[in-house]
Amino acid sequence: KRMKEKGYNHMLLVCRILKQKYGVSVFGGLRRYRGRQLKLLNRDERKKELAGKIYMKEKDIRRFRAAAEGKQVFFVDDIFTTGTTASVCCRVLEEKGAKKADVITLALD
């Protein structure tokens, strides 16, 4: 919803620059079912809010596996507050075939 309001995904733009400059593969297929804004929630509330809400569409799972299965990948995010989002997203990436998923944060809140 917020991406539609802004008209672009600023982190995807950052990743595209990384791709151009360093040749890394970029995958923007993680999705989140609608819910409350995380910035208003504490750690426990965030865990409940995100439980089962981060996913990939079937076509994105196939594309991700083709590029990342058995490899180390990085989840890139702009804010690291409690680590809940990073943890959940990395777990999904590993469940979908990555050997290991780590997080890179560009700013701290």
PDB file of N, CA and C in Angstrom:
ATOM      1  N   LYS A   1       0.827  -1.197   0.000  1.00  0.00           N
ATOM      2  CA  LYS A   1       0.000   0.000   0.000  1.00  0.00           C
ATOM      3  C   LYS A   1       0.872   1.261   0.000  1.00  0.00           C
ATOM      4  N   ARG A   2       1.863   1.281   0.908  1.00  0.00           N
ATOM      5  CA  ARG A   2       2.725   2.463   0.987  1.00  0.00           C
ATOM      6  C   ARG A   2       3.538   2.645  -0.291  1.00  0.00           C
ATOM      7  N   MET A   3       3.958   1.541  -0.909  1.00  0.00           N
ATOM      8  CA  MET A   3       4.714   1.655  -2.143  1.00  0.00           C
ATOM      9  C   MET A   3       3.844   2.270  -3.242  1.00  0.00           C
ATOM     10  N   LYS A   4       2.580   1.889  -3.291  1.00  0.00           N
ATOM     11  CA  LYS A   4       1.674   2.463  -4.279  1.00  0.00           C
ATOM     12  C   LYS A   4       1.469   3.952  -4.020  1.00  0.00           C
ATOM     13  N   GLU A   5       1.419   4.345  -2.746  1.00  0.00           N
ATOM     14  CA  GLU A   5       1.259   5.758  -2.399  1.00  0.00           C
ATOM     15  C   GLU A   5       2.467   6.574  -2.855  1.00  0.00           C
ATOM     16  N   LYS A   6       3.679   6.030  -2.631  1.00  0.00           N
ATOM     17  CA  LYS A   6       4.902   6.745  -3.015  1.00  0.00           C
ATOM     18  C   LYS A   6       5.172   6.652  -4.508  1.00  0.00           C
ATOM     19  N   GLY A   7       4.734   5.563  -5.123  1.00  0.00           N
ATOM     20  CA  GLY A   7       4.960   5.371  -6.548  1.00  0.00           C
ATOM     21  C   GLY A   7       6.242   4.622  -6.878  1.00  0.00           C
ATOM     22  N   TYR A   8       7.010   4.253  -5.876  1.00  0.00           N
ATOM     23  CA  TYR A   8       8.246   3.512  -6.113  1.00  0.00           C
ATOM     24  C   TYR A   8       8.683   2.834  -4.820  1.00  0.00           C
ATOM     25  N   ASN A   9       9.589   1.885  -4.950  1.00  0.00           N
ATOM     26  CA  ASN A   9      10.172   1.188  -3.809  1.00  0.00           C
ATOM     27  C   ASN A   9      11.615   1.674  -3.684  1.00  0.00           C
ATOM     28  N   HIS A  10      11.888   2.526  -2.716  1.00  0.00           N
ATOM     29  CA  HIS A  10      13.219   3.125  -2.600  1.00  0.00           C
ATOM     30  C   HIS A  10      14.310   2.088  -2.359  1.00  0.00           C
ATOM     31  N   MET A  11      14.012   1.005  -1.663  1.00  0.00           N
ATOM     32  CA  MET A  11      15.042  -0.003  -1.424  1.00  0.00           C
ATOM     33  C   MET A  11      15.332  -0.809  -2.690  1.00  0.00           C
ATOM     34  N   LEU A  12      14.341  -1.000  -3.525  1.00  0.00           N
ATOM     35  CA  LEU A  12      14.573  -1.670  -4.798  1.00  0.00           C
ATOM     36  C   LEU A  12      15.473  -0.807  -5.687  1.00  0.00           C
ATOM     37  N   LEU A  13      15.300   0.504  -5.624  1.00  0.00           N
ATOM     38  CA  LEU A  13      16.181   1.413  -6.365  1.00  0.00           C
ATOM     39  C   LEU A  13      17.628   1.287  -5.870  1.00  0.00           C
ATOM     40  N   VAL A  14      17.812   1.206  -4.563  1.00  0.00           N
ATOM     41  CA  VAL A  14      19.157   1.033  -3.994  1.00  0.00           C
ATOM     42  C   VAL A  14      19.756  -0.280  -4.487  1.00  0.00           C
ATOM     43  N   CYS A  15      18.953  -1.335  -4.475  1.00  0.00           N
ATOM     44  CA  CYS A  15      19.452  -2.639  -4.917  1.00  0.00           C
ATOM     45  C   CYS A  15      19.809  -2.644  -6.406  1.00  0.00           C
ATOM     46  N   ARG A  16      19.053  -1.917  -7.198  1.00  0.00           N
ATOM     47  CA  ARG A  16      19.371  -1.829  -8.628  1.00  0.00           C
ATOM     48  C   ARG A  16      20.716  -1.120  -8.849  1.00  0.00           C
ATOM     49  N   ILE A  17      21.001  -0.144  -8.013  1.00  0.00           N
ATOM     50  CA  ILE A  17      22.307   0.518  -8.092  1.00  0.00           C
ATOM     51  C   ILE A  17      23.408  -0.476  -7.737  1.00  0.00           C
ATOM     52  N   LEU A  18      23.183  -1.288  -6.698  1.00  0.00           N
ATOM     53  CA  LEU A  18      24.156  -2.321  -6.321  1.00  0.00           C
ATOM     54  C   LEU A  18      24.363  -3.311  -7.471  1.00  0.00           C
ATOM     55  N   LYS A  19      23.271  -3.635  -8.162  1.00  0.00           N
ATOM     56  CA  LYS A  19      23.363  -4.544  -9.308  1.00  0.00           C
ATOM     57  C   LYS A  19      24.209  -3.929 -10.419  1.00  0.00           C
ATOM     58  N   GLN A  20      23.945  -2.662 -10.740  1.00  0.00           N
ATOM     59  CA  GLN A  20      24.700  -1.988 -11.794  1.00  0.00           C
ATOM     60  C   GLN A  20      26.177  -1.868 -11.440  1.00  0.00           C
ATOM     61  N   LYS A  21      26.440  -1.472 -10.204  1.00  0.00           N
ATOM     62  CA  LYS A  21      27.814  -1.189  -9.800  1.00  0.00           C
ATOM     63  C   LYS A  21      28.629  -2.459  -9.524  1.00  0.00           C
ATOM     64  N   TYR A  22      27.989  -3.468  -8.902  1.00  0.00           N
ATOM     65  CA  TYR A  22      28.731  -4.648  -8.460  1.00  0.00           C
ATOM     66  C   TYR A  22      28.287  -5.957  -9.111  1.00  0.00           C
ATOM     67  N   GLY A  23      27.235  -5.911  -9.931  1.00  0.00           N
ATOM     68  CA  GLY A  23      26.791  -7.107 -10.631  1.00  0.00           C
ATOM     69  C   GLY A  23      26.046  -8.119  -9.780  1.00  0.00           C
ATOM     70  N   VAL A  24      25.556  -7.692  -8.625  1.00  0.00           N
ATOM     71  CA  VAL A  24      24.811  -8.622  -7.770  1.00  0.00           C
ATOM     72  C   VAL A  24      23.409  -8.838  -8.330  1.00  0.00           C
ATOM     73  N   SER A  25      22.859 -10.006  -8.085  1.00  0.00           N
ATOM     74  CA  SER A  25      21.485 -10.294  -8.491  1.00  0.00           C
ATOM     75  C   SER A  25      20.536  -9.622  -7.524  1.00  0.00           C
ATOM     76  N   VAL A  26      19.412  -9.163  -8.033  1.00  0.00           N
ATOM     77  CA  VAL A  26      18.411  -8.477  -7.208  1.00  0.00           C
ATOM     78  C   VAL A  26      17.079  -9.202  -7.355  1.00  0.00           C
ATOM     79  N   PHE A  27      16.428  -9.417  -6.227  1.00  0.00           N
ATOM     80  CA  PHE A  27      15.134 -10.077  -6.210  1.00  0.00           C
ATOM     81  C   PHE A  27      14.202  -9.281  -5.304  1.00  0.00           C
ATOM     82  N   GLY A  28      13.110  -8.809  -5.835  1.00  0.00           N
ATOM     83  CA  GLY A  28      12.161  -8.011  -5.042  1.00  0.00           C
ATOM     84  C   GLY A  28      10.855  -8.735  -4.813  1.00  0.00           C
ATOM     85  N   GLY A  29      10.900 -10.037  -4.577  1.00  0.00           N
ATOM     86  CA  GLY A  29       9.679 -10.834  -4.530  1.00  0.00           C
ATOM     87  C   GLY A  29       9.045 -11.069  -3.178  1.00  0.00           C
ATOM     88  N   LEU A  30       9.621 -10.580  -2.091  1.00  0.00           N
ATOM     89  CA  LEU A  30       8.976 -10.754  -0.791  1.00  0.00           C
ATOM     90  C   LEU A  30       7.775  -9.829  -0.695  1.00  0.00           C
ATOM     91  N   ARG A  31       6.685 -10.356  -0.177  1.00  0.00           N
ATOM     92  CA  ARG A  31       5.448  -9.587  -0.021  1.00  0.00           C
ATOM     93  C   ARG A  31       4.962  -9.715   1.416  1.00  0.00           C
ATOM     94  N   ARG A  32       4.104  -8.780   1.795  1.00  0.00           N
ATOM     95  CA  ARG A  32       3.507  -8.827   3.132  1.00  0.00           C
ATOM     96  C   ARG A  32       2.011  -8.588   3.000  1.00  0.00           C
ATOM     97  N   TYR A  33       1.249  -9.491   3.612  1.00  0.00           N
ATOM     98  CA  TYR A  33      -0.187  -9.261   3.670  1.00  0.00           C
ATOM     99  C   TYR A  33      -0.435  -7.996   4.473  1.00  0.00           C
ATOM    100  N   ARG A  34      -1.485  -7.288   4.135  1.00  0.00           N
ATOM    101  CA  ARG A  34      -1.796  -6.039   4.840  1.00  0.00           C
ATOM    102  C   ARG A  34      -1.928  -6.258   6.344  1.00  0.00           C
ATOM    103  N   GLY A  35      -1.567  -5.224   7.060  1.00  0.00           N
ATOM    104  CA  GLY A  35      -1.651  -5.275   8.509  1.00  0.00           C
ATOM    105  C   GLY A  35      -1.332  -3.910   9.082  1.00  0.00           C
ATOM    106  N   ARG A  36      -1.108  -3.903  10.369  1.00  0.00           N
ATOM    107  CA  ARG A  36      -0.799  -2.647  11.042  1.00  0.00           C
ATOM    108  C   ARG A  36       0.619  -2.198  10.718  1.00  0.00           C
ATOM    109  N   GLN A  37       0.863  -0.884  10.844  1.00  0.00           N
ATOM    110  CA  GLN A  37       2.216  -0.353  10.663  1.00  0.00           C
ATOM    111  C   GLN A  37       3.101  -0.864  11.791  1.00  0.00           C
ATOM    112  N   LEU A  38       4.239  -1.403  11.430  1.00  0.00           N
ATOM    113  CA  LEU A  38       5.133  -1.991  12.421  1.00  0.00           C
ATOM    114  C   LEU A  38       5.784  -0.950  13.321  1.00  0.00           C
ATOM    115  N   LYS A  39       6.003   0.247  12.811  1.00  0.00           N
ATOM    116  CA  LYS A  39       6.711   1.247  13.613  1.00  0.00           C
ATOM    117  C   LYS A  39       5.946   1.629  14.882  1.00  0.00           C
ATOM    118  N   LEU A  40       4.668   1.305  14.918  1.00  0.00           N
ATOM    119  CA  LEU A  40       3.859   1.622  16.096  1.00  0.00           C
ATOM    120  C   LEU A  40       3.846   0.491  17.121  1.00  0.00           C
ATOM    121  N   LEU A  41       4.505  -0.631  16.816  1.00  0.00           N
ATOM    122  CA  LEU A  41       4.410  -1.831  17.643  1.00  0.00           C
ATOM    123  C   LEU A  41       5.723  -2.148  18.354  1.00  0.00           C
ATOM    124  N   ASN A  42       5.613  -2.807  19.518  1.00  0.00           N
ATOM    125  CA  ASN A  42       6.812  -3.276  20.210  1.00  0.00           C
ATOM    126  C   ASN A  42       7.220  -4.638  19.627  1.00  0.00           C
ATOM    127  N   ARG A  43       8.305  -5.207  20.128  1.00  0.00           N
ATOM    128  CA  ARG A  43       8.861  -6.451  19.586  1.00  0.00           C
ATOM    129  C   ARG A  43       7.841  -7.589  19.570  1.00  0.00           C
ATOM    130  N   ASP A  44       7.163  -7.828  20.674  1.00  0.00           N
ATOM    131  CA  ASP A  44       6.201  -8.931  20.731  1.00  0.00           C
ATOM    132  C   ASP A  44       5.022  -8.703  19.793  1.00  0.00           C
ATOM    133  N   GLU A  45       4.557  -7.467  19.717  1.00  0.00           N
ATOM    134  CA  GLU A  45       3.449  -7.149  18.817  1.00  0.00           C
ATOM    135  C   GLU A  45       3.872  -7.323  17.360  1.00  0.00           C
ATOM    136  N   ARG A  46       5.117  -6.979  17.054  1.00  0.00           N
ATOM    137  CA  ARG A  46       5.629  -7.141  15.689  1.00  0.00           C
ATOM    138  C   ARG A  46       5.676  -8.621  15.306  1.00  0.00           C
ATOM    139  N   LYS A  47       6.144  -9.459  16.229  1.00  0.00           N
ATOM    140  CA  LYS A  47       6.202 -10.898  15.946  1.00  0.00           C
ATOM    141  C   LYS A  47       4.815 -11.438  15.634  1.00  0.00           C
ATOM    142  N   LYS A  48       3.829 -11.050  16.417  1.00  0.00           N
ATOM    143  CA  LYS A  48       2.456 -11.497  16.168  1.00  0.00           C
ATOM    144  C   LYS A  48       1.947 -10.954  14.844  1.00  0.00           C
ATOM    145  N   GLU A  49       2.235  -9.696  14.572  1.00  0.00           N
ATOM    146  CA  GLU A  49       1.755  -9.046  13.354  1.00  0.00           C
ATOM    147  C   GLU A  49       2.346  -9.689  12.100  1.00  0.00           C
ATOM    148  N   LEU A  50       3.600 -10.106  12.161  1.00  0.00           N
ATOM    149  CA  LEU A  50       4.271 -10.657  10.980  1.00  0.00           C
ATOM    150  C   LEU A  50       4.107 -12.161  10.822  1.00  0.00           C
ATOM    151  N   ALA A  51       3.632 -12.843  11.850  1.00  0.00           N
ATOM    152  CA  ALA A  51       3.502 -14.306  11.803  1.00  0.00           C
ATOM    153  C   ALA A  51       2.659 -14.730  10.600  1.00  0.00           C
ATOM    154  N   GLY A  52       3.294 -15.424   9.669  1.00  0.00           N
ATOM    155  CA  GLY A  52       2.606 -15.934   8.494  1.00  0.00           C
ATOM    156  C   GLY A  52       2.230 -14.898   7.454  1.00  0.00           C
ATOM    157  N   LYS A  53       2.712 -13.673   7.598  1.00  0.00           N
ATOM    158  CA  LYS A  53       2.310 -12.611   6.670  1.00  0.00           C
ATOM    159  C   LYS A  53       3.364 -12.240   5.634  1.00  0.00           C
ATOM    160  N   ILE A  54       4.559 -12.795   5.719  1.00  0.00           N
ATOM    161  CA  ILE A  54       5.582 -12.550   4.709  1.00  0.00           C
ATOM    162  C   ILE A  54       5.572 -13.760   3.772  1.00  0.00           C
ATOM    163  N   TYR A  55       5.464 -13.499   2.472  1.00  0.00           N
ATOM    164  CA  TYR A  55       5.326 -14.601   1.521  1.00  0.00           C
ATOM    165  C   TYR A  55       5.906 -14.217   0.165  1.00  0.00           C
ATOM    166  N   MET A  56       5.957 -15.204  -0.710  1.00  0.00           N
ATOM    167  CA  MET A  56       6.327 -14.991  -2.111  1.00  0.00           C
ATOM    168  C   MET A  56       5.219 -15.584  -2.971  1.00  0.00           C
ATOM    169  N   LYS A  57       4.947 -14.926  -4.087  1.00  0.00           N
ATOM    170  CA  LYS A  57       4.027 -15.497  -5.061  1.00  0.00           C
ATOM    171  C   LYS A  57       4.703 -16.708  -5.695  1.00  0.00           C
ATOM    172  N   GLU A  58       3.901 -17.647  -6.167  1.00  0.00           N
ATOM    173  CA  GLU A  58       4.435 -18.887  -6.732  1.00  0.00           C
ATOM    174  C   GLU A  58       5.446 -18.631  -7.852  1.00  0.00           C
ATOM    175  N   LYS A  59       5.162 -17.704  -8.751  1.00  0.00           N
ATOM    176  CA  LYS A  59       6.099 -17.405  -9.846  1.00  0.00           C
ATOM    177  C   LYS A  59       7.412 -16.838  -9.306  1.00  0.00           C
ATOM    178  N   ASP A  60       7.335 -16.066  -8.204  1.00  0.00           N
ATOM    179  CA  ASP A  60       8.541 -15.509  -7.599  1.00  0.00           C
ATOM    180  C   ASP A  60       9.355 -16.581  -6.890  1.00  0.00           C
ATOM    181  N   ILE A  61       8.683 -17.567  -6.313  1.00  0.00           N
ATOM    182  CA  ILE A  61       9.402 -18.672  -5.667  1.00  0.00           C
ATOM    183  C   ILE A  61      10.245 -19.400  -6.707  1.00  0.00           C
ATOM    184  N   ARG A  62       9.681 -19.705  -7.858  1.00  0.00           N
ATOM    185  CA  ARG A  62      10.430 -20.400  -8.917  1.00  0.00           C
ATOM    186  C   ARG A  62      11.623 -19.562  -9.378  1.00  0.00           C
ATOM    187  N   ARG A  63      11.414 -18.267  -9.572  1.00  0.00           N
ATOM    188  CA  ARG A  63      12.483 -17.372 -10.014  1.00  0.00           C
ATOM    189  C   ARG A  63      13.588 -17.276  -8.951  1.00  0.00           C
ATOM    190  N   PHE A  64      13.166 -17.173  -7.687  1.00  0.00           N
ATOM    191  CA  PHE A  64      14.131 -17.082  -6.593  1.00  0.00           C
ATOM    192  C   PHE A  64      14.965 -18.356  -6.499  1.00  0.00           C
ATOM    193  N   ARG A  65      14.311 -19.495  -6.542  1.00  0.00           N
ATOM    194  CA  ARG A  65      15.043 -20.766  -6.438  1.00  0.00           C
ATOM    195  C   ARG A  65      16.042 -20.929  -7.580  1.00  0.00           C
ATOM    196  N   ALA A  66      15.646 -20.537  -8.769  1.00  0.00           N
ATOM    197  CA  ALA A  66      16.547 -20.662  -9.921  1.00  0.00           C
ATOM    198  C   ALA A  66      17.827 -19.850  -9.716  1.00  0.00           C
ATOM    199  N   ALA A  67      17.706 -18.703  -9.067  1.00  0.00           N
ATOM    200  CA  ALA A  67      18.868 -17.818  -8.887  1.00  0.00           C
ATOM    201  C   ALA A  67      19.614 -18.048  -7.576  1.00  0.00           C
ATOM    202  N   ALA A  68      18.908 -18.485  -6.527  1.00  0.00           N
ATOM    203  CA  ALA A  68      19.513 -18.439  -5.190  1.00  0.00           C
ATOM    204  C   ALA A  68      19.597 -19.774  -4.454  1.00  0.00           C
ATOM    205  N   GLU A  69      19.047 -20.826  -5.016  1.00  0.00           N
ATOM    206  CA  GLU A  69      19.040 -22.091  -4.276  1.00  0.00           C
ATOM    207  C   GLU A  69      20.455 -22.529  -3.924  1.00  0.00           C
ATOM    208  N   GLY A  70      20.659 -22.791  -2.642  1.00  0.00           N
ATOM    209  CA  GLY A  70      21.951 -23.234  -2.154  1.00  0.00           C
ATOM    210  C   GLY A  70      22.988 -22.144  -1.991  1.00  0.00           C
ATOM    211  N   LYS A  71      22.589 -20.894  -2.152  1.00  0.00           N
ATOM    212  CA  LYS A  71      23.531 -19.775  -2.045  1.00  0.00           C
ATOM    213  C   LYS A  71      23.214 -18.904  -0.834  1.00  0.00           C
ATOM    214  N   GLN A  72      24.208 -18.127  -0.426  1.00  0.00           N
ATOM    215  CA  GLN A  72      23.979 -17.128   0.603  1.00  0.00           C
ATOM    216  C   GLN A  72      23.343 -15.911  -0.047  1.00  0.00           C
ATOM    217  N   VAL A  73      22.298 -15.372   0.587  1.00  0.00           N
ATOM    218  CA  VAL A  73      21.621 -14.185   0.073  1.00  0.00           C
ATOM    219  C   VAL A  73      21.553 -13.131   1.173  1.00  0.00           C
ATOM    220  N   PHE A  74      21.240 -11.916   0.769  1.00  0.00           N
ATOM    221  CA  PHE A  74      21.115 -10.821   1.725  1.00  0.00           C
ATOM    222  C   PHE A  74      19.764 -10.150   1.566  1.00  0.00           C
ATOM    223  N   PHE A  75      19.125  -9.907   2.686  1.00  0.00           N
ATOM    224  CA  PHE A  75      17.892  -9.135   2.739  1.00  0.00           C
ATOM    225  C   PHE A  75      18.312  -7.702   3.044  1.00  0.00           C
ATOM    226  N   VAL A  76      17.962  -6.763   2.167  1.00  0.00           N
ATOM    227  CA  VAL A  76      18.368  -5.369   2.333  1.00  0.00           C
ATOM    228  C   VAL A  76      17.163  -4.566   2.793  1.00  0.00           C
ATOM    229  N   ASP A  77      17.328  -3.850   3.894  1.00  0.00           N
ATOM    230  CA  ASP A  77      16.233  -3.048   4.441  1.00  0.00           C
ATOM    231  C   ASP A  77      16.774  -1.694   4.875  1.00  0.00           C
ATOM    232  N   ASP A  78      15.878  -0.741   5.023  1.00  0.00           N
ATOM    233  CA  ASP A  78      16.316   0.613   5.360  1.00  0.00           C
ATOM    234  C   ASP A  78      16.278   0.920   6.845  1.00  0.00           C
ATOM    235  N   ILE A  79      15.560   0.138   7.612  1.00  0.00           N
ATOM    236  CA  ILE A  79      15.447   0.409   9.056  1.00  0.00           C
ATOM    237  C   ILE A  79      15.558  -0.890   9.832  1.00  0.00           C
ATOM    238  N   PHE A  80      16.321  -0.871  10.906  1.00  0.00           N
ATOM    239  CA  PHE A  80      16.450  -2.012  11.811  1.00  0.00           C
ATOM    240  C   PHE A  80      16.084  -1.509  13.196  1.00  0.00           C
ATOM    241  N   THR A  81      14.899  -1.861  13.652  1.00  0.00           N
ATOM    242  CA  THR A  81      14.453  -1.399  14.969  1.00  0.00           C
ATOM    243  C   THR A  81      14.564  -2.532  15.995  1.00  0.00           C
ATOM    244  N   THR A  82      13.769  -3.578  15.822  1.00  0.00           N
ATOM    245  CA  THR A  82      13.823  -4.710  16.755  1.00  0.00           C
ATOM    246  C   THR A  82      14.454  -5.950  16.134  1.00  0.00           C
ATOM    247  N   GLY A  83      14.583  -5.958  14.799  1.00  0.00           N
ATOM    248  CA  GLY A  83      15.125  -7.117  14.095  1.00  0.00           C
ATOM    249  C   GLY A  83      14.069  -8.135  13.697  1.00  0.00           C
ATOM    250  N   THR A  84      12.834  -7.887  14.055  1.00  0.00           N
ATOM    251  CA  THR A  84      11.765  -8.840  13.766  1.00  0.00           C
ATOM    252  C   THR A  84      11.542  -8.999  12.272  1.00  0.00           C
ATOM    253  N   THR A  85      11.424  -7.906  11.545  1.00  0.00           N
ATOM    254  CA  THR A  85      11.199  -7.988  10.097  1.00  0.00           C
ATOM    255  C   THR A  85      12.359  -8.711   9.424  1.00  0.00           C
ATOM    256  N   ALA A  86      13.571  -8.339   9.760  1.00  0.00           N
ATOM    257  CA  ALA A  86      14.747  -8.971   9.167  1.00  0.00           C
ATOM    258  C   ALA A  86      14.762 -10.466   9.452  1.00  0.00           C
ATOM    259  N   SER A  87      14.467 -10.839  10.675  1.00  0.00           N
ATOM    260  CA  SER A  87      14.467 -12.250  11.066  1.00  0.00           C
ATOM    261  C   SER A  87      13.421 -13.048  10.289  1.00  0.00           C
ATOM    262  N   VAL A  88      12.217 -12.518  10.219  1.00  0.00           N
ATOM    263  CA  VAL A  88      11.133 -13.215   9.517  1.00  0.00           C
ATOM    264  C   VAL A  88      11.445 -13.321   8.026  1.00  0.00           C
ATOM    265  N   CYS A  89      11.911 -12.238   7.422  1.00  0.00           N
ATOM    266  CA  CYS A  89      12.213 -12.257   5.990  1.00  0.00           C
ATOM    267  C   CYS A  89      13.360 -13.217   5.668  1.00  0.00           C
ATOM    268  N   CYS A  90      14.396 -13.218   6.482  1.00  0.00           N
ATOM    269  CA  CYS A  90      15.513 -14.136   6.265  1.00  0.00           C
ATOM    270  C   CYS A  90      15.055 -15.589   6.395  1.00  0.00           C
ATOM    271  N   ARG A  91      14.178 -15.863   7.341  1.00  0.00           N
ATOM    272  CA  ARG A  91      13.650 -17.215   7.514  1.00  0.00           C
ATOM    273  C   ARG A  91      12.870 -17.653   6.259  1.00  0.00           C
ATOM    274  N   VAL A  92      12.060 -16.763   5.700  1.00  0.00           N
ATOM    275  CA  VAL A  92      11.302 -17.080   4.480  1.00  0.00           C
ATOM    276  C   VAL A  92      12.263 -17.359   3.325  1.00  0.00           C
ATOM    277  N   LEU A  93      13.302 -16.546   3.176  1.00  0.00           N
ATOM    278  CA  LEU A  93      14.276 -16.754   2.102  1.00  0.00           C
ATOM    279  C   LEU A  93      14.965 -18.110   2.236  1.00  0.00           C
ATOM    280  N   GLU A  94      15.285 -18.508   3.452  1.00  0.00           N
ATOM    281  CA  GLU A  94      15.903 -19.819   3.673  1.00  0.00           C
ATOM    282  C   GLU A  94      14.903 -20.949   3.415  1.00  0.00           C
ATOM    283  N   GLU A  95      13.653 -20.762   3.813  1.00  0.00           N
ATOM    284  CA  GLU A  95      12.621 -21.779   3.550  1.00  0.00           C
ATOM    285  C   GLU A  95      12.401 -21.971   2.054  1.00  0.00           C
ATOM    286  N   LYS A  96      12.629 -20.920   1.270  1.00  0.00           N
ATOM    287  CA  LYS A  96      12.403 -20.985  -0.176  1.00  0.00           C
ATOM    288  C   LYS A  96      13.637 -21.408  -0.960  1.00  0.00           C
ATOM    289  N   GLY A  97      14.726 -21.743  -0.259  1.00  0.00           N
ATOM    290  CA  GLY A  97      15.858 -22.335  -0.957  1.00  0.00           C
ATOM    291  C   GLY A  97      17.224 -21.737  -0.729  1.00  0.00           C
ATOM    292  N   ALA A  98      17.311 -20.562  -0.125  1.00  0.00           N
ATOM    293  CA  ALA A  98      18.638 -19.984   0.130  1.00  0.00           C
ATOM    294  C   ALA A  98      19.376 -20.825   1.167  1.00  0.00           C
ATOM    295  N   LYS A  99      20.668 -20.997   0.965  1.00  0.00           N
ATOM    296  CA  LYS A  99      21.476 -21.742   1.943  1.00  0.00           C
ATOM    297  C   LYS A  99      21.522 -20.982   3.268  1.00  0.00           C
ATOM    298  N   LYS A 100      21.716 -19.661   3.153  1.00  0.00           N
ATOM    299  CA  LYS A 100      21.783 -18.793   4.330  1.00  0.00           C
ATOM    300  C   LYS A 100      21.314 -17.402   3.908  1.00  0.00           C
ATOM    301  N   ALA A 101      20.562 -16.758   4.776  1.00  0.00           N
ATOM    302  CA  ALA A 101      20.101 -15.399   4.503  1.00  0.00           C
ATOM    303  C   ALA A 101      20.539 -14.492   5.649  1.00  0.00           C
ATOM    304  N   ASP A 102      21.186 -13.410   5.303  1.00  0.00           N
ATOM    305  CA  ASP A 102      21.613 -12.403   6.273  1.00  0.00           C
ATOM    306  C   ASP A 102      20.968 -11.081   5.904  1.00  0.00           C
ATOM    307  N   VAL A 103      21.120 -10.092   6.781  1.00  0.00           N
ATOM    308  CA  VAL A 103      20.483  -8.798   6.551  1.00  0.00           C
ATOM    309  C   VAL A 103      21.545  -7.695   6.443  1.00  0.00           C
ATOM    310  N   ILE A 104      21.284  -6.756   5.551  1.00  0.00           N
ATOM    311  CA  ILE A 104      22.075  -5.536   5.438  1.00  0.00           C
ATOM    312  C   ILE A 104      21.110  -4.386   5.669  1.00  0.00           C
ATOM    313  N   THR A 105      21.438  -3.518   6.621  1.00  0.00           N
ATOM    314  CA  THR A 105      20.587  -2.364   6.933  1.00  0.00           C
ATOM    315  C   THR A 105      21.343  -1.103   6.595  1.00  0.00           C
ATOM    316  N   LEU A 106      20.629  -0.170   5.970  1.00  0.00           N
ATOM    317  CA  LEU A 106      21.266   1.077   5.554  1.00  0.00           C
ATOM    318  C   LEU A 106      21.048   2.221   6.525  1.00  0.00           C
ATOM    319  N   ALA A 107      20.132   2.051   7.455  1.00  0.00           N
ATOM    320  CA  ALA A 107      19.866   3.090   8.469  1.00  0.00           C
ATOM    321  C   ALA A 107      19.320   2.428   9.713  1.00  0.00           C
ATOM    322  N   LEU A 108      19.498   3.059  10.844  1.00  0.00           N
ATOM    323  CA  LEU A 108      18.960   2.537  12.102  1.00  0.00           C
ATOM    324  C   LEU A 108      17.928   3.498  12.646  1.00  0.00           C
ATOM    325  N   ASP A 109      16.901   2.951  13.262  1.00  0.00           N
ATOM    326  CA  ASP A 109      15.850   3.768  13.856  1.00  0.00           C
ATOM    327  C   ASP A 109      15.992   3.739  15.358  1.00  0.00           C
TER     328      ASP A 109
END
